[in-house]
Protein backbone atom coordinates (compact mmCIF):
# COMPACT_ATOMS: atom_id res chain seq x y z
CA MET A 1 3.36 -22.97 -46.05
CA ARG A 2 2.69 -24.70 -42.80
CA ALA A 3 4.20 -25.21 -39.37
CA PHE A 4 5.80 -28.60 -38.80
CA PRO A 5 7.10 -30.27 -35.60
CA VAL A 6 10.68 -31.56 -35.55
CA ARG A 7 11.83 -33.98 -32.87
CA MET A 8 15.55 -33.92 -32.14
CA PRO A 9 17.54 -37.09 -31.24
CA SER A 10 17.51 -35.89 -27.62
CA GLY A 11 13.72 -36.05 -27.64
CA VAL A 12 13.32 -32.27 -27.51
CA GLN A 13 10.84 -30.90 -30.06
CA TYR A 14 10.67 -27.59 -31.84
CA TRP A 15 8.53 -26.24 -34.68
CA THR A 16 9.73 -25.16 -38.09
CA VAL A 17 8.15 -23.94 -41.34
CA ILE A 18 7.95 -25.98 -44.55
CA ASP A 19 6.77 -24.88 -47.99
CA SER A 20 4.32 -26.53 -50.39
CA ASP A 21 7.12 -28.86 -51.59
CA LEU A 22 7.77 -29.98 -47.99
CA ARG A 23 11.09 -28.17 -47.92
CA VAL A 24 12.23 -26.37 -44.78
CA VAL A 25 12.30 -22.57 -45.10
CA PRO A 26 15.89 -21.83 -43.96
CA ALA A 27 15.37 -18.32 -42.53
CA ALA A 28 12.30 -19.38 -40.57
CA ASP A 29 13.97 -22.57 -39.36
CA ALA A 30 17.01 -20.66 -38.11
CA TYR A 31 14.80 -18.23 -36.19
CA LEU A 32 12.68 -20.94 -34.60
CA ARG A 33 15.72 -23.02 -33.63
CA HIS A 34 17.24 -19.92 -32.02
CA LEU A 35 13.99 -19.29 -30.17
CA ARG A 36 13.77 -22.86 -28.86
CA PHE A 37 17.40 -23.60 -28.07
CA GLY A 38 19.12 -20.22 -27.91
CA ARG A 39 16.47 -18.47 -25.82
CA ASP A 40 15.12 -21.57 -24.07
CA ALA A 41 11.55 -20.91 -25.23
CA ALA A 42 8.79 -23.44 -24.64
CA ASP A 43 7.74 -25.83 -27.37
CA SER A 44 4.31 -24.16 -27.34
CA THR A 45 5.99 -20.79 -27.95
CA THR A 46 7.88 -22.00 -31.02
CA LYS A 47 4.64 -23.54 -32.27
CA ALA A 48 2.80 -20.23 -31.93
CA TYR A 49 5.64 -18.26 -33.53
CA ALA A 50 5.96 -20.79 -36.35
CA GLY A 51 2.28 -20.20 -37.07
CA ALA A 52 2.92 -16.44 -37.10
CA VAL A 53 5.80 -16.80 -39.56
CA VAL A 54 3.65 -19.04 -41.78
CA LEU A 55 0.96 -16.35 -41.93
CA TYR A 56 3.47 -13.61 -42.71
CA LEU A 57 5.21 -15.59 -45.45
CA SER A 58 1.83 -16.65 -46.88
CA TRP A 59 0.73 -13.02 -47.03
CA CYS A 60 3.95 -12.05 -48.78
CA ALA A 61 3.50 -14.85 -51.32
CA ALA A 62 -0.18 -14.00 -51.89
CA THR A 63 0.60 -10.33 -52.53
CA GLY A 64 3.82 -10.89 -54.50
CA GLN A 65 6.10 -9.21 -51.96
CA ASP A 66 9.62 -9.95 -50.79
CA TRP A 67 9.34 -10.90 -47.11
CA ARG A 68 12.64 -9.15 -46.38
CA LEU A 69 11.27 -5.78 -47.52
CA SER A 70 7.63 -5.89 -46.45
CA ALA A 71 7.84 -4.61 -42.88
CA GLU A 72 6.73 -1.14 -43.96
CA ARG A 73 3.47 -2.67 -45.21
CA LEU A 74 2.48 -4.33 -41.94
CA PRO A 75 -0.78 -2.31 -41.71
CA SER A 76 -1.90 -4.15 -44.87
CA PHE A 77 -0.80 -7.40 -43.23
CA VAL A 78 -2.99 -6.59 -40.23
CA LEU A 79 -5.98 -6.05 -42.53
CA TRP A 80 -5.23 -9.34 -44.27
CA LEU A 81 -4.99 -11.14 -40.93
CA ARG A 82 -8.36 -9.79 -39.85
CA TYR A 83 -10.26 -10.88 -42.96
CA ALA A 84 -8.21 -13.53 -44.80
CA PRO A 85 -9.99 -16.91 -44.93
CA SER A 86 -9.09 -19.37 -42.23
CA THR A 87 -10.24 -22.79 -41.11
CA SER A 88 -12.72 -21.23 -38.69
CA GLY A 89 -15.52 -21.27 -41.25
CA ALA A 90 -16.26 -17.56 -40.82
CA ALA A 91 -18.63 -15.92 -43.28
CA ALA A 92 -17.22 -13.84 -46.10
CA GLY A 93 -16.45 -10.31 -44.94
CA ALA A 94 -16.47 -11.28 -41.27
CA ALA A 95 -13.42 -10.86 -39.05
CA VAL A 96 -11.72 -14.21 -38.66
CA ARG A 97 -8.98 -13.21 -36.19
CA GLY A 98 -9.44 -11.08 -33.13
CA PRO A 99 -7.09 -8.38 -31.79
CA ARG A 100 -5.29 -10.68 -29.36
CA ARG A 101 -4.56 -13.26 -32.04
CA ILE A 102 -3.38 -10.57 -34.47
CA ASN A 103 -1.05 -9.07 -31.87
CA CYS A 104 0.43 -12.51 -31.20
CA VAL A 105 1.07 -12.95 -34.93
CA LEU A 106 2.67 -9.50 -35.10
CA ALA A 107 4.93 -10.34 -32.16
CA GLY A 108 6.16 -13.48 -33.91
CA THR A 109 6.61 -11.61 -37.17
CA ARG A 110 8.64 -8.84 -35.52
CA GLY A 111 10.86 -11.41 -33.85
CA PHE A 112 11.41 -13.21 -37.15
CA LEU A 113 12.30 -10.04 -39.06
CA ALA A 114 14.52 -8.67 -36.29
CA PHE A 115 16.40 -11.98 -36.24
CA ALA A 116 16.75 -11.82 -40.02
CA VAL A 117 18.31 -8.35 -39.72
CA ASP A 118 20.75 -9.63 -37.10
CA ARG A 119 21.77 -12.49 -39.41
CA GLY A 120 22.14 -10.18 -42.39
CA ASP A 121 19.19 -11.75 -44.24
CA ALA A 122 17.21 -8.49 -44.18
CA PRO A 123 18.33 -4.83 -44.42
CA ALA A 124 18.94 -2.84 -41.26
CA GLN A 125 16.19 -0.29 -42.02
CA VAL A 126 13.62 -2.99 -41.28
CA LEU A 127 14.13 -2.41 -37.55
CA GLY A 128 13.02 1.19 -37.93
CA GLN A 129 9.89 -0.03 -39.71
CA LEU A 130 9.11 -2.43 -36.86
CA TYR A 131 9.97 -0.33 -33.84
CA GLU A 132 10.14 3.27 -32.75
CA LEU A 133 12.27 4.69 -29.96
CA ALA A 134 10.19 5.50 -26.90
CA ASP A 135 11.02 6.35 -23.31
CA SER A 136 9.95 4.57 -20.16
CA ARG A 137 7.88 7.41 -18.71
CA ASP A 138 4.62 5.87 -19.95
CA LEU A 139 5.35 2.61 -18.14
CA PRO A 140 3.96 1.79 -14.66
CA ALA A 141 6.18 3.06 -11.86
CA GLU A 142 7.11 -0.50 -10.88
CA ALA A 143 8.53 -1.13 -14.36
CA ARG A 144 10.84 1.90 -14.47
CA GLY A 145 13.52 0.60 -12.14
CA GLU A 146 14.33 1.46 -8.57
CA ASP A 147 15.94 4.80 -9.41
CA GLY A 148 12.84 6.01 -11.28
CA ALA A 149 14.96 7.35 -14.16
CA TRP A 150 13.56 7.24 -17.66
CA ARG A 151 15.25 5.19 -20.33
CA LEU A 152 14.93 4.66 -24.04
CA ARG A 153 13.21 1.50 -25.18
CA MET A 154 12.02 -0.08 -28.40
CA LYS A 155 8.27 0.26 -28.89
CA ALA A 156 6.43 -1.82 -31.49
CA ARG A 157 4.91 0.37 -34.20
CA HIS A 158 2.03 -1.93 -35.04
CA ARG A 159 -0.43 -3.20 -32.47
CA VAL A 160 -4.17 -3.71 -32.55
CA PRO A 161 -6.06 -2.18 -29.59
CA VAL A 162 -7.42 -4.85 -27.26
CA VAL A 163 -10.36 -4.28 -24.97
CA LYS A 164 -9.27 -5.57 -21.58
CA GLU A 165 -11.79 -8.02 -20.22
CA ARG A 166 -11.88 -8.96 -16.59
CA VAL A 167 -11.30 -12.68 -16.14
CA ASP A 168 -13.81 -14.15 -13.74
CA ARG A 169 -12.55 -15.63 -10.53
CA VAL A 170 -13.97 -18.96 -9.47
CA SER A 171 -16.29 -18.53 -6.50
CA ASP A 172 -15.71 -20.58 -3.37
CA GLU A 173 -19.03 -22.34 -3.99
CA ASP A 174 -18.03 -23.33 -7.52
CA ALA A 175 -14.61 -24.47 -6.33
CA VAL A 176 -16.19 -26.74 -3.71
CA ALA A 177 -18.64 -28.10 -6.28
CA LEU A 178 -15.74 -28.78 -8.63
CA LEU A 179 -13.86 -30.71 -5.95
CA LYS A 180 -16.92 -32.79 -5.11
CA ALA A 181 -17.32 -33.64 -8.80
CA CYS A 182 -13.75 -35.02 -9.05
CA ARG A 183 -13.70 -38.80 -9.40
CA SER A 184 -10.21 -39.50 -8.11
CA ALA A 185 -7.74 -38.32 -5.50
CA ARG A 186 -5.40 -37.31 -8.31
CA ASP A 187 -7.99 -34.98 -9.80
CA ARG A 188 -8.78 -33.42 -6.43
CA LEU A 189 -5.11 -32.76 -5.77
CA LEU A 190 -4.70 -31.16 -9.19
CA VAL A 191 -7.69 -28.84 -8.65
CA LEU A 192 -6.39 -27.88 -5.21
CA ILE A 193 -2.89 -27.12 -6.51
CA LEU A 194 -4.35 -24.91 -9.23
CA GLY A 195 -6.78 -23.15 -6.93
CA ARG A 196 -4.90 -23.01 -3.60
CA ALA A 197 -1.31 -22.69 -4.83
CA GLY A 198 -1.97 -20.71 -8.02
CA LEU A 199 0.18 -22.82 -10.33
CA ARG A 200 -0.24 -22.61 -14.08
CA ARG A 201 -1.40 -25.86 -15.65
CA GLY A 202 2.03 -26.39 -17.25
CA GLU A 203 3.70 -25.90 -13.88
CA ALA A 204 1.30 -28.35 -12.22
CA VAL A 205 1.71 -31.26 -14.66
CA GLY A 206 5.44 -30.55 -14.84
CA LEU A 207 5.87 -31.18 -11.11
CA ARG A 208 8.12 -34.07 -10.11
CA ARG A 209 7.79 -36.01 -6.88
CA GLU A 210 11.09 -34.51 -5.78
CA ASP A 211 9.46 -31.06 -5.97
CA VAL A 212 6.96 -31.96 -3.26
CA HIS A 213 8.34 -30.94 0.13
CA PHE A 214 5.73 -31.76 2.72
CA ALA A 215 6.99 -31.83 6.34
CA VAL A 216 9.27 -34.90 6.44
CA GLU A 217 10.24 -34.61 2.77
CA SER A 218 11.34 -31.00 3.24
CA SER A 219 13.65 -31.65 6.18
CA ALA A 220 15.05 -34.82 4.62
CA ALA A 221 15.95 -32.91 1.46
CA GLY A 222 17.73 -30.22 3.43
CA CYS A 223 15.33 -27.56 2.17
CA GLU A 224 15.33 -24.37 4.25
CA PHE A 225 11.93 -23.11 3.09
CA PRO A 226 9.56 -23.33 6.09
CA GLY A 227 6.49 -25.56 6.13
CA SER A 228 4.93 -27.70 3.42
CA HIS A 229 5.51 -26.35 -0.07
CA LEU A 230 6.06 -27.13 -3.74
CA HIS A 231 9.08 -26.23 -5.86
CA VAL A 232 8.28 -24.95 -9.35
CA VAL A 233 11.28 -25.68 -11.57
CA ARG A 234 11.72 -25.04 -15.29
CA ARG A 235 12.66 -28.26 -17.11
CA GLN A 236 12.40 -30.00 -20.46
CA ASN A 237 9.44 -32.36 -19.96
CA VAL A 238 8.35 -35.16 -22.26
CA ASN A 239 4.68 -34.19 -21.80
CA GLY A 240 5.28 -30.64 -23.07
CA ALA A 241 4.74 -29.09 -19.64
CA TRP A 242 6.67 -25.90 -19.05
CA ALA A 243 7.30 -23.50 -16.20
CA LYS A 244 7.01 -20.03 -17.71
CA SER A 245 9.46 -18.33 -15.37
CA ARG A 246 13.17 -19.11 -15.68
CA GLN A 247 13.53 -18.56 -11.94
CA SER A 248 12.55 -21.46 -9.70
CA ARG A 249 10.25 -20.65 -6.80
CA ALA A 250 8.82 -22.30 -3.69
CA VAL A 251 5.06 -22.09 -3.18
CA PRO A 252 3.61 -22.78 0.29
CA VAL A 253 0.58 -25.08 0.46
CA ASP A 254 -2.02 -25.61 3.17
CA ARG A 255 -3.16 -28.75 4.96
CA LEU A 256 -5.91 -29.45 2.41
CA VAL A 257 -3.29 -29.87 -0.31
CA VAL A 258 -1.15 -32.05 1.97
CA GLN A 259 -4.10 -34.29 2.84
CA ALA A 260 -5.10 -34.57 -0.82
CA HIS A 261 -1.53 -35.53 -1.69
CA ASP A 262 -1.52 -38.30 0.92
CA GLN A 263 -4.73 -39.72 -0.55
CA TYR A 264 -3.28 -39.52 -4.05
CA VAL A 265 -0.10 -41.38 -3.05
CA ALA A 266 -2.26 -44.23 -1.77
CA GLU A 267 -4.20 -44.18 -5.03
CA ARG A 268 -1.00 -44.36 -7.08
CA VAL A 269 0.17 -47.38 -5.10
CA GLU A 270 -3.17 -49.08 -5.65
CA GLN A 271 -2.96 -48.44 -9.40
CA ALA A 272 0.67 -49.63 -9.53
CA ALA A 273 1.80 -46.30 -10.99
CA MET A 274 4.71 -45.40 -8.72
CA ASP A 275 7.58 -45.73 -11.22
CA SER A 276 7.29 -42.30 -12.85
CA ASP A 277 8.95 -39.33 -11.16
CA PHE A 278 6.19 -37.04 -12.43
CA LEU A 279 3.65 -36.13 -9.76
CA PHE A 280 0.58 -36.31 -12.00
CA VAL A 281 0.37 -39.44 -14.12
CA ASN A 282 -2.23 -41.49 -15.97
CA LEU A 283 -4.04 -43.80 -13.57
CA PHE A 284 -7.09 -44.95 -15.50
CA ARG A 285 -6.01 -45.07 -19.13
CA ALA A 286 -3.03 -46.26 -21.14
CA PRO A 287 -0.17 -45.76 -20.94
CA LEU A 288 -0.47 -46.28 -17.20
CA GLY A 289 1.96 -44.14 -15.23
CA ALA A 290 2.77 -41.80 -18.12
CA PRO A 291 2.84 -38.09 -17.18
CA MET A 292 -0.40 -36.21 -17.71
CA LYS A 293 -0.51 -33.92 -20.74
CA LEU A 294 -1.58 -30.29 -20.76
CA GLY A 295 -4.83 -30.93 -22.58
CA ALA A 296 -5.84 -33.49 -19.98
CA VAL A 297 -6.07 -30.71 -17.38
CA ASN A 298 -8.64 -28.83 -19.46
CA ASP A 299 -10.55 -32.04 -20.18
CA LEU A 300 -10.61 -32.89 -16.49
CA LEU A 301 -11.97 -29.49 -15.48
CA ALA A 302 -14.53 -29.45 -18.29
CA ALA A 303 -15.90 -32.85 -17.27
CA ALA A 304 -15.94 -31.91 -13.58
CA SER A 305 -17.71 -28.63 -14.38
CA ARG A 306 -20.47 -30.53 -16.20
CA ARG A 307 -20.86 -33.07 -13.40
CA ALA A 308 -21.00 -30.25 -10.86
CA GLY A 309 -23.85 -28.65 -12.78
CA LEU A 310 -22.00 -25.37 -13.30
CA ASP A 311 -23.34 -23.06 -15.99
CA HIS A 312 -19.82 -22.53 -17.34
CA VAL A 313 -16.61 -24.48 -17.78
CA VAL A 314 -13.91 -23.65 -15.25
CA HIS A 315 -10.57 -23.11 -16.98
CA PRO A 316 -7.20 -23.71 -15.28
CA HIS A 317 -6.23 -20.04 -15.35
CA ALA A 318 -9.49 -19.01 -13.67
CA LEU A 319 -8.41 -21.01 -10.62
CA ARG A 320 -5.09 -19.16 -10.66
CA HIS A 321 -6.96 -15.85 -10.74
CA SER A 322 -9.04 -16.94 -7.78
CA PHE A 323 -5.95 -17.86 -5.79
CA ALA A 324 -4.41 -14.41 -6.30
CA SER A 325 -7.66 -12.68 -5.41
CA ASN A 326 -8.16 -14.82 -2.31
CA VAL A 327 -4.64 -13.99 -1.11
CA MET A 328 -5.39 -10.28 -1.45
CA ASP A 329 -8.80 -10.63 0.21
CA ALA A 330 -7.07 -12.29 3.16
CA GLY A 331 -4.75 -9.29 3.59
CA GLY A 332 -1.90 -10.29 1.30
CA THR A 333 0.19 -7.65 -0.46
CA ILE A 334 0.87 -7.23 -4.16
CA ASP A 335 4.54 -8.21 -3.75
CA GLU A 336 3.48 -11.43 -2.02
CA VAL A 337 1.14 -12.23 -4.90
CA GLN A 338 3.93 -11.45 -7.37
CA GLN A 339 6.27 -13.95 -5.69
CA LEU A 340 3.62 -16.64 -5.30
CA LEU A 341 2.58 -16.43 -8.95
CA GLY A 342 6.15 -16.24 -10.25
CA HIS A 343 5.81 -12.90 -12.04
CA ALA A 344 8.90 -10.92 -12.97
CA SER A 345 6.98 -7.65 -12.68
CA ILE A 346 4.38 -6.47 -10.19
CA SER A 347 2.37 -5.01 -13.08
CA SER A 348 1.84 -8.55 -14.36
CA SER A 349 0.27 -9.52 -11.04
CA GLN A 350 -2.22 -6.68 -11.05
CA VAL A 351 -4.36 -8.16 -13.82
CA TYR A 352 -5.09 -11.18 -11.62
CA LEU A 353 -6.54 -9.20 -8.77
CA HIS A 354 -10.29 -9.04 -8.37
CA PRO A 355 -11.13 -7.52 -4.96
CA ALA A 356 -14.24 -8.89 -3.33
CA PRO A 357 -17.01 -6.28 -2.91
CA GLN A 358 -16.75 -6.47 0.88
CA ARG A 359 -13.01 -5.71 0.72
CA LEU A 360 -13.77 -2.59 -1.34
CA ARG A 361 -16.38 -1.57 1.24
CA ASP A 362 -13.93 -2.15 4.09
CA ALA A 363 -11.29 -0.04 2.31
CA VAL A 364 -13.64 2.94 2.06
CA GLU A 365 -14.77 2.59 5.66
CA ARG A 366 -11.17 2.51 6.87
CA VAL A 367 -10.59 5.86 5.19
CA GLY A 368 -13.62 7.31 6.96
CA GLN A 369 -12.44 6.02 10.31
CA SER A 370 -8.93 7.42 9.96
CA HIS A 371 -10.03 10.84 8.72
CA GLN A 372 -12.70 12.06 11.12
CA VAL A 373 -14.19 15.35 10.07
CA THR A 374 -13.89 17.97 12.81
CA ARG A 375 -16.04 21.05 13.05
């Protein structure tokens, strides 16, 4: 079993599952097509879920089980996932998949089996083996709805506990060093958009020139959003870039981003790469003018981190974390961060917030000032 990419005549790609005889597995293919085209999932999502289905079907084949009836044995599947050999080269007896990876595989497996039940390919009792009925009272207040009433929901029965690790924010000093280490105006603009607008890497390299509304462009396009800003729009992109949120959003940018954009436009003209509508394109390697790919963002930041002499590689999402934290440090509110980052729930925004020590100190001192002890 293995995951396999399929490119449709329209150019859109999705991932399917093929067996050892290179035949498509019908049930898996139907689920992955539904995920990609019925639910408008990203290509990267169908790739990840195809990998999950491959692991589940491989486990069923290795243990002689019918995949339609094996949901009740998912604890054994979890054990198999943790220790089954992989391509990682792990020593015998060592864990080869961590909790986060296992939970991702379980999510894909649950989706596959639930879809099979809906299609009639698996018995209805499978749902009860995958989920239990729970109420919403254990959810954060923001996730319960405006009326605060509790509701029944489906709760996954099988999850591996994950130790939550705080993701480091990029310090201002490291961000400046990273910018100085960039070798082109394009790279500087990309770093600034990640770090001062908080875009995900897929949102950044999925930007089109029409999404850039800086002063004159904004008024000419009839856009009512004030000031210079970017529009993040979900589209099918040939470079695999994807905006996670289905809802488009406008993200304000500051003068540093505007200045960097002006310098980049001049650089694109010089490199004769103005034909593409994508904002970020190849300037120094073939094919010239082709949209940048997702992996190129990581490569760019890794190379700049080394040139800057940093003791760690700055990842795209770390810049996004820093943006959210900087907004809060400057007095922003959680709902503002939620809108800027494009989160559907405020609880999703909370994991990005890393208050600076001085802000914590100021918060305590404000309490002391507002509650004077009288004798």
